Structures are given as C-alpha cells and as structure tokens.
Amino acid sequence: MDIIEELVEYSKLAWDRGLTESTGGNMSVRVDKNTIYITPHSSLKHFLTPKDILKITLDDKMIEGDGEPSSERKMHFLIYKERPDVNCVFHVHPTYATAFAVSGEKIPVNTLPEAALLLRDIAYLPYRMPGTQEFADVFTPELKNGKDVFILQNHGVTVIGKSIKAVYEKLETLDFVAKVVFTLKMSGAKIKEIDEREVEKFLESLKSGINS
C-alpha cells in the first residue's frame, strides 16, 4: 500500500468509526520537507479515493490534483513547518473528545494504561475561527513544547505524529477514554485514576523492554 492509499484508508476508517462527521475533518501526510498530500475541502471521508487526494506545498501551491484542499490547511502547514519530526496530521471531530472540548473539562488520561501511554501530554487550545491564520497560530507554543494531541475548544481535536498509523492509534484511544469517562459521569460513578507512581512504573517498564 502506498502512502496515498494509506491516507485514504485511515481517513475512511476514522469516518466509519465515528471519529468525525459529515464533511468534517481533514487529514494529511508529509511527502518531503516542503510537500504534503491532503484531503479535499468538504469531502465525505467514507467515499474518498486516491484520486481525490491533493498534493500541495507548504506555501500553498498546488502540485497535483483537482479541487480545493481543506480549508484548514494553514493549520497543517504550520504544524509541519514547526515540527520536522511530524509526518502526519489528523484533524477530526470525535463525539466524546469533542464533548470535552465544548465543556472545557480535561480528560483524565490515567484512567487506562493505554491512554496513560499514548496521551500523556494533551494540549488544550482556546477557540479561534477555523480556517484562519489565528486558528493555526494558536498551536505554536504547544508545538514547541513537543505536544502532539490537541483539544480545540468548541471545535474538535488534532493529533499529529511520525506516521499515519501512530496518529490513528492516538486518536482512537483518545476518544475511547473520553467515552469511558463520559459514561462514568453520566452514571454518577466515581472515576478512579491509576496512581501516578504506577503510571510511571508502567512507562519505565515499557522503556526497559524497548531498550533491552
């Protein structure tokens, strides 16, 4: 599977799994230092095909494809320029994580080991009008701090990473833990987080396993 096919498949998967709605969301992957593939504006992701994907430069020049790139591409441009380590950006509107974006509450990620591993440092960004340069610029401070999961007030989420697969894993884990917490809140049950010392032990054990 080439990189365009992979972007299409994971974009469709995000839509099919309810991680974005209607024509909402936009996804991209880096081709090289100054070039990306990106989904088109106002597209139903379930019906995407490789020929729909557009190739553009980070200074907004079209290279290949018909149609208009996502209206929120300025966000993608800024992220790739600020973070050379990032090769993929997914911006979506998953139901449960977006509920937290609207409420302004933070998601307690230490409720599940997988969430503690993948979602350690979520950045919570203030609302800015989507598609504007102001919307893109609000990411800058947290990008410099190395954050790669962003909750956007009254909007949705953006997840970035080294690969499409890595981004999708974080995205689905984010909405799953948000759903668990939301369900507990609705039932009136107490949310019991894993002790921070246990989380640190868990993370250290994974590092040891990787380095051994």
N, C-alpha and C. Protein backbone atom coordinates (compact mmCIF):
# COMPACT_ATOMS: atom_id res chain seq x y z
N MET A 1 0.84 -1.20 0.00
CA MET A 1 0.00 0.00 0.00
C MET A 1 0.88 1.25 0.00
N ASP A 2 0.66 2.15 -0.97
CA ASP A 2 1.46 3.36 -0.99
C ASP A 2 0.88 4.39 -0.02
N ILE A 3 1.58 5.51 0.13
CA ILE A 3 1.23 6.48 1.18
C ILE A 3 -0.13 7.13 0.92
N ILE A 4 -0.49 7.34 -0.35
CA ILE A 4 -1.79 7.93 -0.65
C ILE A 4 -2.91 6.95 -0.29
N GLU A 5 -2.74 5.69 -0.65
CA GLU A 5 -3.74 4.68 -0.31
C GLU A 5 -3.89 4.55 1.21
N GLU A 6 -2.75 4.62 1.91
CA GLU A 6 -2.80 4.53 3.37
C GLU A 6 -3.55 5.72 3.98
N LEU A 7 -3.30 6.91 3.46
CA LEU A 7 -4.02 8.09 3.95
C LEU A 7 -5.51 7.95 3.71
N VAL A 8 -5.89 7.48 2.54
CA VAL A 8 -7.31 7.28 2.22
C VAL A 8 -7.93 6.25 3.15
N GLU A 9 -7.26 5.12 3.34
CA GLU A 9 -7.82 4.05 4.15
C GLU A 9 -8.02 4.48 5.61
N TYR A 10 -7.05 5.17 6.18
CA TYR A 10 -7.19 5.60 7.58
C TYR A 10 -8.17 6.76 7.72
N SER A 11 -8.28 7.60 6.69
CA SER A 11 -9.28 8.67 6.73
C SER A 11 -10.68 8.08 6.69
N LYS A 12 -10.88 7.08 5.83
CA LYS A 12 -12.17 6.40 5.76
C LYS A 12 -12.47 5.67 7.06
N LEU A 13 -11.44 5.05 7.65
CA LEU A 13 -11.62 4.34 8.91
C LEU A 13 -12.06 5.30 10.01
N ALA A 14 -11.45 6.47 10.06
CA ALA A 14 -11.83 7.47 11.07
C ALA A 14 -13.30 7.86 10.91
N TRP A 15 -13.73 8.07 9.68
CA TRP A 15 -15.14 8.43 9.42
C TRP A 15 -16.06 7.27 9.79
N ASP A 16 -15.69 6.07 9.36
CA ASP A 16 -16.54 4.90 9.61
C ASP A 16 -16.64 4.56 11.10
N ARG A 17 -15.61 4.87 11.85
CA ARG A 17 -15.61 4.62 13.30
C ARG A 17 -16.25 5.74 14.10
N GLY A 18 -16.80 6.74 13.40
CA GLY A 18 -17.47 7.83 14.08
C GLY A 18 -16.53 8.83 14.72
N LEU A 19 -15.30 8.90 14.22
CA LEU A 19 -14.33 9.82 14.78
C LEU A 19 -14.38 11.19 14.11
N THR A 20 -15.21 11.30 13.08
CA THR A 20 -15.55 12.60 12.51
C THR A 20 -16.88 12.44 11.82
N GLU A 21 -17.51 13.57 11.45
CA GLU A 21 -18.89 13.53 10.99
C GLU A 21 -19.07 14.26 9.67
N SER A 22 -20.10 13.88 8.92
CA SER A 22 -20.47 14.58 7.69
C SER A 22 -19.22 14.87 6.85
N THR A 23 -19.00 16.13 6.52
CA THR A 23 -17.80 16.50 5.77
C THR A 23 -16.70 17.03 6.68
N GLY A 24 -16.87 16.86 7.98
CA GLY A 24 -15.89 17.39 8.94
C GLY A 24 -14.58 16.63 8.90
N GLY A 25 -13.53 17.31 9.32
CA GLY A 25 -12.22 16.70 9.43
C GLY A 25 -11.36 16.88 8.20
N ASN A 26 -10.05 16.82 8.43
CA ASN A 26 -9.08 16.91 7.33
C ASN A 26 -7.81 16.19 7.75
N MET A 27 -7.20 15.52 6.80
CA MET A 27 -6.07 14.66 7.08
C MET A 27 -4.96 14.93 6.07
N SER A 28 -3.72 14.79 6.50
CA SER A 28 -2.60 14.99 5.59
C SER A 28 -1.42 14.12 6.00
N VAL A 29 -0.51 13.94 5.05
CA VAL A 29 0.73 13.21 5.30
C VAL A 29 1.85 13.90 4.55
N ARG A 30 3.02 13.93 5.16
CA ARG A 30 4.16 14.60 4.55
C ARG A 30 4.77 13.75 3.44
N VAL A 31 5.10 14.41 2.33
CA VAL A 31 5.80 13.76 1.22
C VAL A 31 7.30 13.99 1.36
N ASP A 32 7.67 15.25 1.58
CA ASP A 32 9.05 15.63 1.83
C ASP A 32 9.03 16.90 2.67
N LYS A 33 10.16 17.56 2.79
CA LYS A 33 10.28 18.71 3.69
C LYS A 33 9.22 19.78 3.42
N ASN A 34 8.88 20.01 2.17
CA ASN A 34 8.01 21.12 1.81
C ASN A 34 6.72 20.72 1.10
N THR A 35 6.40 19.42 1.09
CA THR A 35 5.25 18.95 0.31
C THR A 35 4.41 17.97 1.12
N ILE A 36 3.08 18.07 0.97
CA ILE A 36 2.17 17.15 1.66
C ILE A 36 1.08 16.67 0.71
N TYR A 37 0.49 15.52 1.05
CA TYR A 37 -0.79 15.09 0.49
C TYR A 37 -1.86 15.48 1.50
N ILE A 38 -3.01 15.97 1.03
CA ILE A 38 -4.06 16.42 1.94
C ILE A 38 -5.43 16.10 1.36
N THR A 39 -6.40 15.89 2.24
CA THR A 39 -7.77 15.62 1.79
C THR A 39 -8.41 16.90 1.26
N PRO A 40 -9.38 16.76 0.37
CA PRO A 40 -10.03 17.94 -0.21
C PRO A 40 -11.04 18.58 0.73
N HIS A 41 -11.35 19.82 0.45
CA HIS A 41 -12.34 20.57 1.20
C HIS A 41 -13.73 19.93 1.07
N SER A 42 -14.44 19.86 2.19
CA SER A 42 -15.85 19.45 2.22
C SER A 42 -16.07 18.09 1.59
N SER A 43 -15.30 17.10 2.04
CA SER A 43 -15.41 15.76 1.48
C SER A 43 -15.90 14.76 2.53
N LEU A 44 -16.81 13.88 2.11
CA LEU A 44 -17.23 12.77 2.97
C LEU A 44 -16.14 11.71 2.93
N LYS A 45 -15.48 11.50 4.05
CA LYS A 45 -14.28 10.67 4.06
C LYS A 45 -14.54 9.22 3.69
N HIS A 46 -15.73 8.72 3.94
CA HIS A 46 -16.03 7.33 3.61
C HIS A 46 -15.90 7.07 2.10
N PHE A 47 -16.13 8.10 1.30
CA PHE A 47 -16.14 7.93 -0.15
C PHE A 47 -14.84 8.40 -0.81
N LEU A 48 -13.82 8.71 -0.02
CA LEU A 48 -12.55 9.14 -0.59
C LEU A 48 -11.92 8.05 -1.46
N THR A 49 -11.25 8.47 -2.52
CA THR A 49 -10.43 7.56 -3.32
C THR A 49 -9.06 8.23 -3.49
N PRO A 50 -8.05 7.48 -3.87
CA PRO A 50 -6.72 8.08 -4.05
C PRO A 50 -6.70 9.27 -5.00
N LYS A 51 -7.56 9.26 -6.02
CA LYS A 51 -7.54 10.37 -6.97
C LYS A 51 -8.09 11.67 -6.38
N ASP A 52 -8.76 11.58 -5.23
CA ASP A 52 -9.28 12.79 -4.56
C ASP A 52 -8.20 13.53 -3.78
N ILE A 53 -7.12 12.84 -3.44
CA ILE A 53 -6.08 13.44 -2.59
C ILE A 53 -5.27 14.45 -3.39
N LEU A 54 -4.98 15.57 -2.77
CA LEU A 54 -4.28 16.68 -3.42
C LEU A 54 -2.84 16.78 -2.91
N LYS A 55 -1.95 17.12 -3.80
CA LYS A 55 -0.54 17.31 -3.44
C LYS A 55 -0.24 18.81 -3.50
N ILE A 56 0.19 19.37 -2.36
CA ILE A 56 0.45 20.81 -2.31
C ILE A 56 1.73 21.09 -1.52
N THR A 57 2.27 22.27 -1.74
CA THR A 57 3.46 22.68 -0.98
C THR A 57 3.03 23.38 0.30
N LEU A 58 3.96 23.53 1.22
CA LEU A 58 3.67 24.19 2.49
C LEU A 58 3.52 25.70 2.34
N ASP A 59 3.77 26.23 1.15
CA ASP A 59 3.44 27.63 0.88
C ASP A 59 2.22 27.73 -0.03
N ASP A 60 1.39 26.67 0.00
CA ASP A 60 0.05 26.66 -0.59
C ASP A 60 0.04 26.70 -2.11
N LYS A 61 0.97 26.02 -2.74
CA LYS A 61 0.96 25.91 -4.21
C LYS A 61 0.54 24.50 -4.60
N MET A 62 -0.44 24.41 -5.48
CA MET A 62 -0.94 23.12 -5.93
C MET A 62 0.07 22.45 -6.86
N ILE A 63 0.32 21.17 -6.61
CA ILE A 63 1.22 20.39 -7.47
C ILE A 63 0.43 19.38 -8.29
N GLU A 64 -0.46 18.64 -7.63
CA GLU A 64 -1.25 17.63 -8.32
C GLU A 64 -2.66 17.59 -7.73
N GLY A 65 -3.64 17.29 -8.58
CA GLY A 65 -5.00 17.08 -8.12
C GLY A 65 -5.96 18.14 -8.59
N ASP A 66 -7.24 17.76 -8.56
CA ASP A 66 -8.31 18.68 -8.91
C ASP A 66 -9.12 19.00 -7.67
N GLY A 67 -9.59 20.22 -7.57
CA GLY A 67 -10.39 20.60 -6.42
C GLY A 67 -9.62 21.48 -5.46
N GLU A 68 -10.27 21.78 -4.35
CA GLU A 68 -9.70 22.68 -3.35
C GLU A 68 -9.23 21.89 -2.13
N PRO A 69 -8.01 22.14 -1.66
CA PRO A 69 -7.55 21.48 -0.44
C PRO A 69 -8.37 21.93 0.76
N SER A 70 -8.28 21.19 1.83
CA SER A 70 -9.01 21.53 3.06
C SER A 70 -8.89 23.01 3.41
N SER A 71 -9.98 23.58 3.86
CA SER A 71 -9.98 25.00 4.24
C SER A 71 -9.14 25.26 5.49
N GLU A 72 -8.78 24.18 6.22
CA GLU A 72 -7.96 24.33 7.42
C GLU A 72 -6.50 23.97 7.17
N ARG A 73 -6.08 24.05 5.92
CA ARG A 73 -4.72 23.64 5.57
C ARG A 73 -3.65 24.52 6.21
N LYS A 74 -3.98 25.76 6.58
CA LYS A 74 -2.98 26.60 7.24
C LYS A 74 -2.49 25.96 8.54
N MET A 75 -3.39 25.28 9.24
CA MET A 75 -3.00 24.54 10.43
C MET A 75 -1.98 23.46 10.09
N HIS A 76 -2.25 22.71 9.03
CA HIS A 76 -1.33 21.65 8.60
C HIS A 76 0.03 22.25 8.23
N PHE A 77 0.01 23.34 7.45
CA PHE A 77 1.27 23.97 7.05
C PHE A 77 2.10 24.34 8.26
N LEU A 78 1.47 25.01 9.23
CA LEU A 78 2.21 25.48 10.41
C LEU A 78 2.79 24.32 11.20
N ILE A 79 1.99 23.26 11.39
CA ILE A 79 2.46 22.12 12.16
C ILE A 79 3.69 21.49 11.51
N TYR A 80 3.64 21.27 10.21
CA TYR A 80 4.78 20.66 9.52
C TYR A 80 6.02 21.56 9.54
N LYS A 81 5.81 22.86 9.45
CA LYS A 81 6.94 23.78 9.48
C LYS A 81 7.58 23.83 10.87
N GLU A 82 6.75 23.79 11.90
CA GLU A 82 7.26 23.88 13.28
C GLU A 82 7.88 22.57 13.75
N ARG A 83 7.39 21.45 13.21
CA ARG A 83 7.81 20.14 13.72
C ARG A 83 8.31 19.24 12.59
N PRO A 84 9.60 19.29 12.30
CA PRO A 84 10.16 18.42 11.25
C PRO A 84 9.99 16.93 11.55
N ASP A 85 9.75 16.58 12.82
CA ASP A 85 9.58 15.18 13.20
C ASP A 85 8.19 14.65 12.88
N VAL A 86 7.27 15.53 12.53
CA VAL A 86 5.88 15.14 12.28
C VAL A 86 5.67 14.83 10.80
N ASN A 87 5.04 13.68 10.53
CA ASN A 87 4.79 13.27 9.15
C ASN A 87 3.31 13.08 8.84
N CYS A 88 2.45 13.29 9.84
CA CYS A 88 1.02 13.10 9.61
C CYS A 88 0.22 13.99 10.55
N VAL A 89 -0.88 14.53 10.05
CA VAL A 89 -1.80 15.36 10.83
C VAL A 89 -3.23 14.90 10.55
N PHE A 90 -3.97 14.59 11.62
CA PHE A 90 -5.40 14.31 11.51
C PHE A 90 -6.14 15.33 12.37
N HIS A 91 -7.06 16.06 11.75
CA HIS A 91 -7.96 16.95 12.50
C HIS A 91 -9.38 16.41 12.32
N VAL A 92 -10.03 16.08 13.43
CA VAL A 92 -11.34 15.43 13.37
C VAL A 92 -12.24 15.92 14.51
N HIS A 93 -13.49 15.41 14.50
CA HIS A 93 -14.48 15.83 15.50
C HIS A 93 -15.10 14.60 16.17
N PRO A 94 -14.32 13.82 16.92
CA PRO A 94 -14.87 12.64 17.58
C PRO A 94 -15.85 13.04 18.68
N THR A 95 -16.96 12.33 18.79
CA THR A 95 -18.06 12.75 19.66
C THR A 95 -17.64 13.01 21.09
N TYR A 96 -17.00 12.05 21.71
CA TYR A 96 -16.75 12.15 23.15
C TYR A 96 -15.61 13.11 23.48
N ALA A 97 -14.54 13.06 22.70
CA ALA A 97 -13.45 14.02 22.93
C ALA A 97 -13.92 15.44 22.65
N THR A 98 -14.79 15.59 21.64
CA THR A 98 -15.31 16.92 21.33
C THR A 98 -16.24 17.42 22.43
N ALA A 99 -16.93 16.50 23.10
CA ALA A 99 -17.76 16.91 24.25
C ALA A 99 -16.89 17.57 25.31
N PHE A 100 -15.69 17.04 25.53
CA PHE A 100 -14.77 17.66 26.48
C PHE A 100 -14.27 19.00 25.93
N ALA A 101 -14.10 19.09 24.63
CA ALA A 101 -13.68 20.36 24.02
C ALA A 101 -14.73 21.44 24.25
N VAL A 102 -15.99 21.06 24.25
CA VAL A 102 -17.07 22.02 24.46
C VAL A 102 -17.25 22.35 25.94
N SER A 103 -17.11 21.35 26.79
CA SER A 103 -17.31 21.58 28.23
C SER A 103 -16.15 22.33 28.87
N GLY A 104 -14.96 22.21 28.26
CA GLY A 104 -13.77 22.83 28.83
C GLY A 104 -13.10 21.98 29.90
N GLU A 105 -13.65 20.80 30.18
CA GLU A 105 -13.03 19.89 31.15
C GLU A 105 -11.87 19.15 30.52
N LYS A 106 -10.91 18.77 31.36
CA LYS A 106 -9.78 17.98 30.87
C LYS A 106 -10.09 16.50 31.00
N ILE A 107 -9.55 15.73 30.08
CA ILE A 107 -9.78 14.29 30.08
C ILE A 107 -8.76 13.62 31.02
N PRO A 108 -9.21 12.90 32.03
CA PRO A 108 -8.27 12.22 32.93
C PRO A 108 -7.67 10.97 32.27
N VAL A 109 -6.51 11.12 31.68
CA VAL A 109 -5.95 10.04 30.86
C VAL A 109 -5.39 8.88 31.68
N ASN A 110 -5.17 9.09 32.98
CA ASN A 110 -4.63 8.00 33.79
C ASN A 110 -5.70 7.00 34.22
N THR A 111 -6.85 7.03 33.54
CA THR A 111 -7.89 6.05 33.83
C THR A 111 -7.60 4.70 33.20
N LEU A 112 -6.79 4.69 32.13
CA LEU A 112 -6.46 3.45 31.43
C LEU A 112 -4.98 3.43 31.08
N PRO A 113 -4.32 2.27 31.17
CA PRO A 113 -2.89 2.21 30.87
C PRO A 113 -2.56 2.68 29.45
N GLU A 114 -3.37 2.26 28.47
CA GLU A 114 -3.09 2.65 27.09
C GLU A 114 -3.17 4.16 26.90
N ALA A 115 -4.14 4.77 27.57
CA ALA A 115 -4.28 6.22 27.48
C ALA A 115 -3.10 6.92 28.16
N ALA A 116 -2.68 6.38 29.30
CA ALA A 116 -1.54 6.96 30.00
C ALA A 116 -0.28 6.89 29.13
N LEU A 117 -0.18 5.84 28.34
CA LEU A 117 0.98 5.68 27.46
C LEU A 117 0.94 6.64 26.27
N LEU A 118 -0.21 6.71 25.61
CA LEU A 118 -0.30 7.44 24.34
C LEU A 118 -0.71 8.90 24.48
N LEU A 119 -1.29 9.27 25.62
CA LEU A 119 -1.90 10.59 25.74
C LEU A 119 -1.39 11.37 26.94
N ARG A 120 -0.11 11.25 27.23
CA ARG A 120 0.44 11.83 28.45
C ARG A 120 0.29 13.35 28.52
N ASP A 121 0.49 14.01 27.42
CA ASP A 121 0.51 15.48 27.45
C ASP A 121 -0.44 16.06 26.42
N ILE A 122 -1.70 16.13 26.78
CA ILE A 122 -2.69 16.75 25.89
C ILE A 122 -2.62 18.26 26.06
N ALA A 123 -2.62 18.96 24.94
CA ALA A 123 -2.67 20.43 24.97
C ALA A 123 -4.12 20.88 24.75
N TYR A 124 -4.56 21.82 25.56
CA TYR A 124 -5.92 22.37 25.45
C TYR A 124 -5.82 23.78 24.91
N LEU A 125 -6.34 23.98 23.69
CA LEU A 125 -6.16 25.25 22.99
C LEU A 125 -7.44 26.07 22.98
N PRO A 126 -7.34 27.40 23.08
CA PRO A 126 -8.51 28.27 23.07
C PRO A 126 -9.15 28.32 21.68
N TYR A 127 -10.41 28.68 21.66
CA TYR A 127 -11.14 28.76 20.39
C TYR A 127 -10.60 29.87 19.49
N ARG A 128 -10.44 29.54 18.23
CA ARG A 128 -10.16 30.51 17.19
C ARG A 128 -10.97 30.09 15.96
N MET A 129 -11.34 31.04 15.12
CA MET A 129 -12.17 30.72 13.95
C MET A 129 -11.45 29.73 13.04
N PRO A 130 -12.08 28.58 12.75
CA PRO A 130 -11.46 27.59 11.88
C PRO A 130 -11.09 28.14 10.51
N GLY A 131 -9.95 27.70 10.00
CA GLY A 131 -9.51 28.09 8.67
C GLY A 131 -8.68 29.36 8.62
N THR A 132 -8.62 30.09 9.74
CA THR A 132 -7.87 31.35 9.76
C THR A 132 -6.42 31.11 10.17
N GLN A 133 -5.59 32.12 9.94
CA GLN A 133 -4.21 32.04 10.40
C GLN A 133 -4.15 32.05 11.92
N GLU A 134 -5.10 32.75 12.55
CA GLU A 134 -5.17 32.78 14.02
C GLU A 134 -5.42 31.39 14.57
N PHE A 135 -6.25 30.64 13.87
CA PHE A 135 -6.52 29.26 14.27
C PHE A 135 -5.25 28.43 14.20
N ALA A 136 -4.46 28.62 13.16
CA ALA A 136 -3.20 27.88 13.03
C ALA A 136 -2.20 28.33 14.09
N ASP A 137 -2.08 29.63 14.28
CA ASP A 137 -1.05 30.17 15.16
C ASP A 137 -1.19 29.74 16.61
N VAL A 138 -2.42 29.43 17.03
CA VAL A 138 -2.64 29.06 18.43
C VAL A 138 -1.92 27.76 18.80
N PHE A 139 -1.53 26.98 17.78
CA PHE A 139 -0.81 25.73 18.03
C PHE A 139 0.66 25.96 18.40
N THR A 140 1.22 27.07 17.97
CA THR A 140 2.68 27.25 18.00
C THR A 140 3.32 27.00 19.36
N PRO A 141 2.85 27.61 20.45
CA PRO A 141 3.54 27.40 21.74
C PRO A 141 3.58 25.94 22.15
N GLU A 142 2.47 25.21 21.97
CA GLU A 142 2.43 23.82 22.40
C GLU A 142 3.19 22.90 21.45
N LEU A 143 3.27 23.27 20.19
CA LEU A 143 4.11 22.51 19.27
C LEU A 143 5.57 22.60 19.69
N LYS A 144 5.98 23.79 20.10
CA LYS A 144 7.37 23.98 20.57
C LYS A 144 7.63 23.19 21.84
N ASN A 145 6.57 22.91 22.61
CA ASN A 145 6.71 22.11 23.83
C ASN A 145 6.63 20.61 23.56
N GLY A 146 6.53 20.24 22.29
CA GLY A 146 6.54 18.82 21.92
C GLY A 146 5.21 18.11 22.03
N LYS A 147 4.12 18.85 22.20
CA LYS A 147 2.80 18.20 22.32
C LYS A 147 2.37 17.65 20.97
N ASP A 148 1.59 16.56 21.00
CA ASP A 148 1.11 16.01 19.74
C ASP A 148 -0.37 15.61 19.76
N VAL A 149 -1.06 15.94 20.85
CA VAL A 149 -2.51 15.74 20.93
C VAL A 149 -3.11 17.06 21.40
N PHE A 150 -4.08 17.58 20.63
CA PHE A 150 -4.62 18.90 20.91
C PHE A 150 -6.14 18.85 20.98
N ILE A 151 -6.70 19.34 22.09
CA ILE A 151 -8.14 19.51 22.23
C ILE A 151 -8.45 20.97 21.92
N LEU A 152 -9.30 21.19 20.92
CA LEU A 152 -9.57 22.54 20.44
C LEU A 152 -10.93 23.00 20.97
N GLN A 153 -10.94 24.03 21.77
CA GLN A 153 -12.15 24.48 22.44
C GLN A 153 -13.29 24.70 21.45
N ASN A 154 -14.45 24.10 21.77
CA ASN A 154 -15.67 24.24 20.95
C ASN A 154 -15.46 23.85 19.48
N HIS A 155 -14.58 22.89 19.25
CA HIS A 155 -14.28 22.54 17.85
C HIS A 155 -14.06 21.04 17.66
N GLY A 156 -12.97 20.51 18.16
CA GLY A 156 -12.65 19.11 17.93
C GLY A 156 -11.26 18.80 18.41
N VAL A 157 -10.55 17.93 17.71
CA VAL A 157 -9.20 17.55 18.13
C VAL A 157 -8.28 17.49 16.91
N THR A 158 -7.00 17.68 17.17
CA THR A 158 -5.95 17.47 16.17
C THR A 158 -4.90 16.57 16.80
N VAL A 159 -4.51 15.54 16.06
CA VAL A 159 -3.48 14.61 16.52
C VAL A 159 -2.39 14.54 15.45
N ILE A 160 -1.14 14.59 15.88
CA ILE A 160 -0.01 14.57 14.96
C ILE A 160 0.97 13.47 15.37
N GLY A 161 1.82 13.05 14.44
CA GLY A 161 2.78 12.02 14.77
C GLY A 161 3.71 11.68 13.62
N LYS A 162 4.51 10.65 13.85
CA LYS A 162 5.53 10.26 12.87
C LYS A 162 4.95 9.46 11.71
N SER A 163 3.79 8.84 11.91
CA SER A 163 3.20 8.01 10.87
C SER A 163 1.69 8.09 10.96
N ILE A 164 1.01 7.68 9.89
CA ILE A 164 -0.45 7.66 9.87
C ILE A 164 -0.96 6.70 10.93
N LYS A 165 -0.36 5.54 11.02
CA LYS A 165 -0.79 4.52 11.99
C LYS A 165 -0.66 5.05 13.42
N ALA A 166 0.47 5.69 13.72
CA ALA A 166 0.68 6.20 15.09
C ALA A 166 -0.34 7.27 15.43
N VAL A 167 -0.67 8.12 14.47
CA VAL A 167 -1.67 9.16 14.71
C VAL A 167 -3.04 8.54 14.95
N TYR A 168 -3.40 7.55 14.14
CA TYR A 168 -4.71 6.93 14.30
C TYR A 168 -4.83 6.23 15.66
N GLU A 169 -3.77 5.56 16.09
CA GLU A 169 -3.80 4.88 17.39
C GLU A 169 -4.10 5.87 18.51
N LYS A 170 -3.45 7.02 18.47
CA LYS A 170 -3.68 8.04 19.50
C LYS A 170 -5.10 8.58 19.42
N LEU A 171 -5.57 8.79 18.20
CA LEU A 171 -6.90 9.36 18.00
C LEU A 171 -7.98 8.44 18.56
N GLU A 172 -7.93 7.16 18.20
CA GLU A 172 -8.97 6.26 18.67
C GLU A 172 -8.88 6.04 20.18
N THR A 173 -7.67 5.98 20.71
CA THR A 173 -7.50 5.86 22.16
C THR A 173 -8.06 7.08 22.87
N LEU A 174 -7.82 8.26 22.31
CA LEU A 174 -8.33 9.50 22.90
C LEU A 174 -9.85 9.46 23.03
N ASP A 175 -10.53 9.10 21.94
CA ASP A 175 -11.99 9.12 22.02
C ASP A 175 -12.52 7.98 22.88
N PHE A 176 -11.82 6.85 22.93
CA PHE A 176 -12.26 5.75 23.78
C PHE A 176 -12.21 6.12 25.26
N VAL A 177 -11.09 6.71 25.69
CA VAL A 177 -11.00 7.08 27.10
C VAL A 177 -11.99 8.20 27.42
N ALA A 178 -12.22 9.11 26.47
CA ALA A 178 -13.22 10.15 26.68
C ALA A 178 -14.61 9.54 26.83
N LYS A 179 -14.89 8.50 26.05
CA LYS A 179 -16.19 7.82 26.14
C LYS A 179 -16.35 7.12 27.49
N VAL A 180 -15.29 6.46 27.95
CA VAL A 180 -15.33 5.79 29.25
C VAL A 180 -15.62 6.79 30.36
N VAL A 181 -14.89 7.90 30.35
CA VAL A 181 -15.07 8.92 31.38
C VAL A 181 -16.47 9.54 31.30
N PHE A 182 -16.92 9.83 30.09
CA PHE A 182 -18.25 10.41 29.89
C PHE A 182 -19.33 9.45 30.42
N THR A 183 -19.18 8.16 30.13
CA THR A 183 -20.15 7.16 30.60
C THR A 183 -20.19 7.11 32.11
N LEU A 184 -19.04 7.15 32.74
CA LEU A 184 -18.99 7.14 34.21
C LEU A 184 -19.65 8.38 34.79
N LYS A 185 -19.40 9.53 34.18
CA LYS A 185 -20.01 10.77 34.65
C LYS A 185 -21.53 10.70 34.55
N MET A 186 -22.03 10.18 33.43
CA MET A 186 -23.46 10.10 33.22
C MET A 186 -24.13 9.15 34.21
N SER A 187 -23.41 8.10 34.60
CA SER A 187 -23.97 7.12 35.55
C SER A 187 -23.80 7.55 37.00
N GLY A 188 -23.02 8.60 37.21
CA GLY A 188 -22.78 9.07 38.57
C GLY A 188 -21.70 8.29 39.30
N ALA A 189 -21.02 7.39 38.57
CA ALA A 189 -19.97 6.59 39.20
C ALA A 189 -18.71 7.41 39.40
N LYS A 190 -17.91 7.01 40.36
CA LYS A 190 -16.66 7.70 40.64
C LYS A 190 -15.60 7.29 39.63
N ILE A 191 -14.82 8.26 39.18
CA ILE A 191 -13.71 7.99 38.27
C ILE A 191 -12.46 7.75 39.10
N LYS A 192 -11.93 6.56 39.03
CA LYS A 192 -10.75 6.20 39.80
C LYS A 192 -9.55 6.12 38.86
N GLU A 193 -8.63 7.06 38.99
CA GLU A 193 -7.44 7.06 38.14
C GLU A 193 -6.34 6.16 38.71
N ILE A 194 -5.49 5.68 37.83
CA ILE A 194 -4.33 4.91 38.24
C ILE A 194 -3.36 5.84 38.95
N ASP A 195 -2.82 5.40 40.07
CA ASP A 195 -1.86 6.20 40.81
C ASP A 195 -0.69 6.60 39.91
N GLU A 196 -0.28 7.85 39.99
CA GLU A 196 0.79 8.37 39.13
C GLU A 196 2.07 7.55 39.25
N ARG A 197 2.36 7.05 40.45
CA ARG A 197 3.57 6.24 40.63
C ARG A 197 3.47 4.94 39.83
N GLU A 198 2.26 4.37 39.77
CA GLU A 198 2.06 3.15 38.99
C GLU A 198 2.18 3.45 37.49
N VAL A 199 1.69 4.60 37.09
CA VAL A 199 1.81 5.00 35.69
C VAL A 199 3.28 5.13 35.31
N GLU A 200 4.06 5.77 36.17
CA GLU A 200 5.49 5.94 35.90
C GLU A 200 6.20 4.60 35.83
N LYS A 201 5.84 3.67 36.71
CA LYS A 201 6.42 2.33 36.69
C LYS A 201 6.08 1.62 35.38
N PHE A 202 4.84 1.77 34.95
CA PHE A 202 4.39 1.17 33.70
C PHE A 202 5.18 1.71 32.52
N LEU A 203 5.33 3.02 32.46
CA LEU A 203 6.06 3.65 31.36
C LEU A 203 7.54 3.26 31.38
N GLU A 204 8.11 3.19 32.57
CA GLU A 204 9.52 2.79 32.68
C GLU A 204 9.72 1.34 32.25
N SER A 205 8.74 0.48 32.57
CA SER A 205 8.85 -0.93 32.17
C SER A 205 8.81 -1.06 30.65
N LEU A 206 8.01 -0.23 30.01
CA LEU A 206 7.96 -0.26 28.54
C LEU A 206 9.27 0.23 27.95
N LYS A 207 9.85 1.27 28.54
CA LYS A 207 11.15 1.76 28.06
C LYS A 207 12.21 0.70 28.23
N SER A 208 12.20 0.01 29.35
CA SER A 208 13.19 -1.04 29.60
C SER A 208 13.06 -2.16 28.58
N GLY A 209 11.79 -2.48 28.26
CA GLY A 209 11.55 -3.53 27.28
C GLY A 209 12.06 -3.15 25.91
N ILE A 210 11.88 -1.87 25.55
CA ILE A 210 12.35 -1.38 24.26
C ILE A 210 13.87 -1.38 24.20
N ASN A 211 14.49 -1.00 25.30
CA ASN A 211 15.96 -0.86 25.32
C ASN A 211 16.69 -2.17 25.62
N SER A 212 15.98 -3.19 26.04
CA SER A 212 16.66 -4.43 26.43
C SER A 212 17.01 -5.29 25.22
